[in-house]
C-alpha cells in the first residue's frame, strides 16, 4: 500500500481506500502466485534448516507436486477444468525449475529458518506491528534465511516480472517493501540484515535482485547475486527507506492525496482515471 501511494497517491486512493469490489474470482495470475507461496511455505517448513541437494532434489519435487494438488483448492485452482489443470502444471514446472536451482547452491552459509512470517496481524502466529514513529506497519515476509552469526536475509518470492527490481530501480521508483521488512528483521527477529532479495519464480534462472550488504556478499554468492546490487551501507539504505515510507504514511494519515501528476508517470494510465480530451472551445483561463 505504501509503495502504491509513493508511486501515485491517486492510485492508492482508488485501489486501497475506495477498495472497489472485484467482479468474479481473483485473476488467475494472482491465484497462481498465492499457490506458489503456499506450496513453498509448506515445503520448506517440512524441511526446517535445509535446502534440497543433488541427492534429495527428486524427493523434494515429488513432495512439491503433492502439495500443489493438496493446496490448489484453497487458492481457487482446484477444479478439473482445463484452465485450472494448466495453471497447476505451470506451477509444478516453475517450482521444479526453482528447486533444481536451489539444489545446486554450494558453500551455503544462509539456510531457510522462517516462512510466511506475519507481523501486525491479529492472532497468536503474528508478531506485533512494527512501531515506526507515529505509525505502525504490518506485513508478511515470505522467507527468512539466517546464518550462525545471527545475520539474516529477507526473501520475497516473485511469481511475475512486474515487481522484480534491482537496487537502482528500488531507489528510483521508491520501493520500500524489502527495506521495511529488513527493519522488521532487526526489531522482531533480532537478526542483522545482510540482504533483501526478490527471488524470481517465474524465471528461475535469473539472479536474485535487491539490496545486499557488501560485507555479506561472499556468504551469499551461491544465490547468483549481481554486484550492482551491493551497497557499502545497508543500514543507511534501510533508514532511508523507512523515512520515505514514513513520509507517505503521514500523508495517508492526514488524508493528503493531492499530488503533481508530472511526478506520477503512470497516473493517466490508471483504470480509475477517465480519458479526457479538452473541448475545442475550452479556454484554460475561463
Protein backbone atom coordinates (compact mmCIF):
# COMPACT_ATOMS: atom_id res chain seq x y z
CA UNK A 1 0.00 0.00 0.00
CA UNK A 2 2.84 2.39 0.83
CA UNK A 3 4.52 1.68 -2.49
CA UNK A 4 1.24 2.35 -4.31
CA UNK A 5 0.96 5.72 -2.56
CA UNK A 6 4.57 6.65 -3.32
CA UNK A 7 4.02 5.75 -6.98
CA UNK A 8 0.77 7.74 -7.19
CA UNK A 9 -1.48 8.89 -4.32
CA UNK A 10 -4.50 8.68 -6.65
CA UNK A 11 -3.70 5.05 -7.40
CA UNK A 12 -3.54 4.33 -3.67
CA UNK A 13 -6.83 6.16 -3.03
CA UNK A 14 -8.69 4.33 -5.79
CA UNK A 15 -7.30 0.84 -5.14
CA UNK A 16 -6.80 0.84 -1.37
CA UNK A 17 -9.07 3.48 0.22
CA UNK A 18 -12.07 3.12 -2.09
CA UNK A 19 -11.35 -0.61 -2.42
CA UNK A 20 -13.73 -1.30 -5.33
CA UNK A 21 -15.41 -4.69 -5.31
CA UNK A 22 -13.94 -7.13 -7.82
CA UNK A 23 -16.44 -8.90 -10.05
CA UNK A 24 -15.82 -12.61 -10.29
CA UNK A 25 -12.89 -14.60 -8.89
CA UNK A 26 -9.38 -13.23 -8.42
CA UNK A 27 -7.32 -13.15 -11.61
CA UNK A 28 -5.69 -16.49 -12.29
CA UNK A 29 -2.23 -14.91 -12.12
CA UNK A 30 -2.98 -13.87 -8.54
CA UNK A 31 -4.34 -17.30 -7.66
CA UNK A 32 -1.25 -18.89 -9.19
CA UNK A 33 1.02 -16.63 -7.15
CA UNK A 34 -0.87 -17.50 -3.97
CA UNK A 35 -0.49 -21.20 -4.71
CA UNK A 36 3.25 -20.81 -5.27
CA UNK A 37 3.65 -19.05 -1.92
CA UNK A 38 1.56 -21.62 -0.04
CA UNK A 39 3.41 -24.58 -1.56
CA UNK A 40 6.89 -23.17 -0.88
CA UNK A 41 5.99 -22.27 2.71
CA UNK A 42 4.66 -25.77 3.41
CA UNK A 43 7.54 -27.48 1.62
CA UNK A 44 10.35 -25.62 3.38
CA UNK A 45 8.58 -25.79 6.75
CA UNK A 46 8.61 -29.59 6.44
CA UNK A 47 12.41 -29.44 5.95
CA UNK A 48 13.48 -26.83 8.54
CA UNK A 49 17.01 -25.55 8.14
CA UNK A 50 17.50 -27.45 4.89
CA UNK A 51 17.85 -26.87 1.17
CA UNK A 52 17.40 -29.55 -1.49
CA UNK A 53 20.64 -31.02 -2.82
CA UNK A 54 21.58 -33.35 -5.63
CA UNK A 55 20.70 -36.41 -3.52
CA UNK A 56 17.29 -35.17 -2.30
CA UNK A 57 16.01 -32.97 -5.13
CA UNK A 58 13.79 -35.64 -6.69
CA UNK A 59 12.10 -36.29 -3.34
CA UNK A 60 11.57 -32.54 -2.83
CA UNK A 61 9.98 -32.24 -6.27
CA UNK A 62 7.68 -35.20 -5.56
CA UNK A 63 6.59 -33.58 -2.29
CA UNK A 64 6.07 -30.28 -4.08
CA UNK A 65 3.81 -31.91 -6.67
CA UNK A 66 1.64 -33.42 -3.94
CA UNK A 67 1.38 -30.05 -2.19
CA UNK A 68 0.30 -28.35 -5.42
CA UNK A 69 -2.63 -30.75 -5.68
CA UNK A 70 -3.46 -30.55 -1.96
CA UNK A 71 -3.40 -26.74 -1.74
CA UNK A 72 -4.80 -25.80 -5.15
CA UNK A 73 -8.37 -25.79 -3.87
CA UNK A 74 -7.52 -23.20 -1.19
CA UNK A 75 -6.22 -20.92 -3.96
CA UNK A 76 -9.22 -21.33 -6.31
CA UNK A 77 -7.28 -23.52 -8.74
CA UNK A 78 -8.52 -26.92 -7.64
CA UNK A 79 -11.17 -27.72 -10.21
CA UNK A 80 -10.84 -30.23 -13.03
CA UNK A 81 -11.28 -27.54 -15.68
CA UNK A 82 -8.68 -27.39 -18.43
CA UNK A 83 -7.59 -23.90 -17.34
CA UNK A 84 -7.01 -24.94 -13.74
CA UNK A 85 -5.12 -28.06 -14.79
CA UNK A 86 -2.89 -25.91 -16.99
CA UNK A 87 -2.25 -23.46 -14.13
CA UNK A 88 -1.33 -26.28 -11.75
CA UNK A 89 1.01 -27.77 -14.34
CA UNK A 90 2.68 -24.38 -14.80
CA UNK A 91 3.16 -24.11 -11.03
CA UNK A 92 4.70 -27.58 -11.00
CA UNK A 93 7.05 -26.71 -13.85
CA UNK A 94 8.17 -23.36 -12.44
CA UNK A 95 8.66 -24.65 -8.90
CA UNK A 96 10.58 -27.71 -10.07
CA UNK A 97 12.92 -25.43 -12.01
CA UNK A 98 13.33 -23.18 -8.97
CA UNK A 99 14.03 -26.11 -6.64
CA UNK A 100 16.62 -27.52 -9.01
CA UNK A 101 18.40 -24.18 -8.90
CA UNK A 102 18.25 -24.22 -5.10
CA UNK A 103 19.75 -27.72 -5.10
CA UNK A 104 22.87 -26.51 -6.93
CA UNK A 105 23.80 -23.95 -4.27
CA UNK A 106 27.23 -24.70 -2.83
CA UNK A 107 29.05 -23.43 0.26
CA UNK A 108 25.66 -22.40 1.64
CA UNK A 109 26.05 -20.22 4.74
CA UNK A 110 22.48 -18.93 4.99
CA UNK A 111 19.74 -21.50 5.49
CA UNK A 112 15.92 -21.16 5.49
CA UNK A 113 14.57 -20.68 9.02
CA UNK A 114 11.23 -18.82 8.89
CA UNK A 115 8.35 -18.91 6.40
CA UNK A 116 5.31 -16.67 5.77
CA UNK A 117 6.05 -14.68 8.91
CA UNK A 118 3.33 -12.19 9.88
CA UNK A 119 3.65 -9.06 11.99
CA UNK A 120 0.92 -6.59 12.87
CA UNK A 121 -1.99 -9.01 12.31
CA UNK A 122 -4.44 -10.49 14.80
CA UNK A 123 -3.74 -13.99 16.02
CA UNK A 124 -1.15 -15.88 18.02
CA UNK A 125 1.03 -16.57 14.98
CA UNK A 126 1.65 -12.88 14.29
CA UNK A 127 4.29 -10.70 15.89
CA UNK A 128 3.29 -7.16 16.91
CA UNK A 129 3.08 -4.34 14.40
CA UNK A 130 6.34 -2.51 13.81
CA UNK A 131 6.26 0.88 15.58
CA UNK A 132 7.85 3.50 13.35
CA UNK A 133 7.43 6.90 14.96
CA UNK A 134 3.73 7.71 14.94
CA UNK A 135 2.59 4.96 12.61
CA UNK A 136 2.55 1.17 12.65
CA UNK A 137 3.48 -1.27 9.91
CA UNK A 138 2.17 -4.75 9.23
CA UNK A 139 3.29 -7.26 6.64
CA UNK A 140 4.09 -10.85 5.74
CA UNK A 141 7.66 -11.93 4.97
CA UNK A 142 7.80 -14.86 2.55
CA UNK A 143 11.03 -16.36 3.88
CA UNK A 144 13.90 -15.55 6.23
CA UNK A 145 17.30 -17.20 5.86
CA UNK A 146 19.91 -16.82 8.60
CA UNK A 147 23.48 -17.83 9.37
CA UNK A 148 25.16 -18.99 12.61
CA UNK A 149 26.23 -15.41 13.43
CA UNK A 150 22.63 -14.13 13.56
CA UNK A 151 22.74 -12.36 10.21
CA UNK A 152 19.53 -12.53 8.21
CA UNK A 153 18.22 -12.31 4.66
CA UNK A 154 14.68 -11.40 3.67
CA UNK A 155 13.47 -13.28 0.59
CA UNK A 156 10.40 -12.16 -1.33
CA UNK A 157 9.14 -14.64 -3.93
CA UNK A 158 8.05 -13.12 -7.24
CA UNK A 159 5.84 -15.23 -9.48
CA UNK A 160 5.58 -12.41 -12.07
CA UNK A 161 8.04 -9.96 -13.56
CA UNK A 162 6.14 -6.76 -12.72
CA UNK A 163 7.63 -6.20 -9.25
CA UNK A 164 11.06 -7.79 -9.66
CA UNK A 165 13.52 -4.91 -9.11
CA UNK A 166 17.24 -4.16 -8.99
CA UNK A 167 18.74 -1.92 -6.32
CA UNK A 168 18.84 1.01 -8.77
CA UNK A 169 15.16 0.53 -9.60
CA UNK A 170 14.25 0.25 -5.91
CA UNK A 171 15.84 3.65 -5.28
CA UNK A 172 14.49 5.31 -8.43
CA UNK A 173 10.91 4.07 -8.01
CA UNK A 174 10.66 4.48 -4.24
CA UNK A 175 10.17 0.80 -3.49
CA UNK A 176 10.21 0.29 0.28
CA UNK A 177 8.93 -3.24 0.92
CA UNK A 178 12.29 -5.00 1.25
CA UNK A 179 13.72 -2.16 3.32
CA UNK A 180 10.79 -2.18 5.74
CA UNK A 181 10.95 -5.95 6.06
CA UNK A 182 14.68 -5.69 6.83
CA UNK A 183 13.78 -3.22 9.59
CA UNK A 184 11.30 -5.78 10.94
CA UNK A 185 14.03 -8.43 10.71
CA UNK A 186 16.11 -6.37 13.15
CA UNK A 187 13.31 -5.44 15.52
CA UNK A 188 11.29 -8.66 15.70
CA UNK A 189 13.78 -11.43 14.89
CA UNK A 190 16.96 -9.88 16.32
CA UNK A 191 18.91 -10.52 13.12
CA UNK A 192 21.44 -8.22 11.49
CA UNK A 193 20.26 -7.50 7.92
CA UNK A 194 22.57 -8.98 5.32
CA UNK A 195 20.33 -8.67 2.24
CA UNK A 196 16.81 -8.16 0.99
CA UNK A 197 16.19 -10.09 -2.21
CA UNK A 198 13.44 -10.62 -4.75
CA UNK A 199 13.52 -14.29 -5.75
CA UNK A 200 12.12 -14.86 -9.25
CA UNK A 201 9.98 -17.97 -9.53
CA UNK A 202 8.67 -17.02 -12.97
CA UNK A 203 12.15 -17.44 -14.49
CA UNK A 204 14.27 -19.33 -12.02
CA UNK A 205 17.49 -18.98 -13.99
CA UNK A 206 17.51 -15.24 -13.35
CA UNK A 207 19.52 -13.89 -10.46
CA UNK A 208 18.08 -12.80 -7.14
CA UNK A 209 17.94 -8.99 -7.16
CA UNK A 210 17.53 -6.36 -4.47
CA UNK A 211 19.96 -4.99 -1.89
CA UNK A 212 22.99 -6.79 -0.48
CA UNK A 213 25.37 -5.59 2.23
CA UNK A 214 28.78 -5.59 0.57
CA UNK A 215 30.50 -7.28 3.52
CA UNK A 216 27.97 -10.15 3.45
CA UNK A 217 28.12 -10.75 -0.31
CA UNK A 218 30.73 -13.56 -0.09
CA UNK A 219 28.41 -15.62 2.12
CA UNK A 220 25.58 -15.22 -0.38
CA UNK A 221 27.40 -15.70 -3.67
CA UNK A 222 25.79 -19.09 -4.23
CA UNK A 223 22.45 -17.27 -4.77
CA UNK A 224 23.68 -15.81 -8.05
CA UNK A 225 23.94 -12.18 -6.95
CA UNK A 226 24.65 -9.20 -9.20
CA UNK A 227 27.40 -6.87 -7.97
CA UNK A 228 25.38 -3.79 -8.96
CA UNK A 229 23.03 -4.64 -6.06
CA UNK A 230 25.83 -4.43 -3.46
CA UNK A 231 25.81 -1.50 -1.06
CA UNK A 232 28.55 -0.48 1.39
CA UNK A 233 25.97 0.61 3.99
CA UNK A 234 22.76 -1.43 4.01
CA UNK A 235 21.71 0.11 7.32
CA UNK A 236 21.72 3.56 5.73
CA UNK A 237 19.58 2.27 2.85
CA UNK A 238 17.12 0.78 5.36
CA UNK A 239 16.80 4.05 7.27
CA UNK A 240 16.31 5.96 4.02
CA UNK A 241 13.52 3.55 3.03
CA UNK A 242 11.87 3.85 6.45
CA UNK A 243 11.98 7.65 6.18
CA UNK A 244 10.43 7.60 2.71
CA UNK A 245 7.71 5.24 3.88
CA UNK A 246 7.13 7.47 6.90
CA UNK A 247 6.53 10.49 4.68
CA UNK A 248 3.92 8.52 2.73
CA UNK A 249 2.31 7.20 5.92
CA UNK A 250 1.98 10.73 7.35
CA UNK A 251 0.27 11.94 4.18
CA UNK A 252 -2.11 8.97 4.27
CA UNK A 253 -2.97 9.66 7.91
CA UNK A 254 -3.64 13.32 7.08
CA UNK A 255 -5.79 12.34 4.10
CA UNK A 256 -3.43 14.19 1.78
CA UNK A 257 -3.81 12.76 -1.71
CA UNK A 258 -3.14 15.90 -3.76
CA UNK A 259 -0.13 15.42 -6.00
CA UNK A 260 1.69 16.67 -9.04
CA UNK A 261 0.78 14.40 -12.00
CA UNK A 262 4.18 15.14 -13.51
CA UNK A 263 5.68 13.04 -10.69
CA UNK A 264 3.25 10.14 -11.26
CA UNK A 265 4.43 8.81 -14.57
CA UNK A 266 1.67 6.21 -14.83
CA UNK A 267 -1.11 8.36 -13.37
CA UNK A 268 -3.14 8.80 -16.54
CA UNK A 269 -2.80 5.13 -17.46
CA UNK A 270 -4.62 4.02 -14.32
CA UNK A 271 -8.02 2.42 -14.90
CA UNK A 272 -9.62 4.78 -12.41
CA UNK A 273 -8.65 7.89 -14.37
CA UNK A 274 -11.17 8.56 -17.16
CA UNK A 275 -9.97 9.51 -20.60
CA UNK A 276 -10.27 13.27 -21.02
CA UNK A 277 -9.78 15.43 -24.08
CA UNK A 278 -10.35 19.20 -23.84
CA UNK A 279 -13.38 20.52 -25.68
CA UNK A 280 -12.28 22.53 -28.77
CA UNK A 281 -13.83 25.61 -27.21
CA UNK A 282 -12.16 25.11 -23.81
CA UNK A 283 -10.16 28.09 -22.55
CA UNK A 284 -7.58 27.43 -19.87
CA UNK A 285 -8.24 30.75 -18.08
CA UNK A 286 -12.05 30.50 -18.04
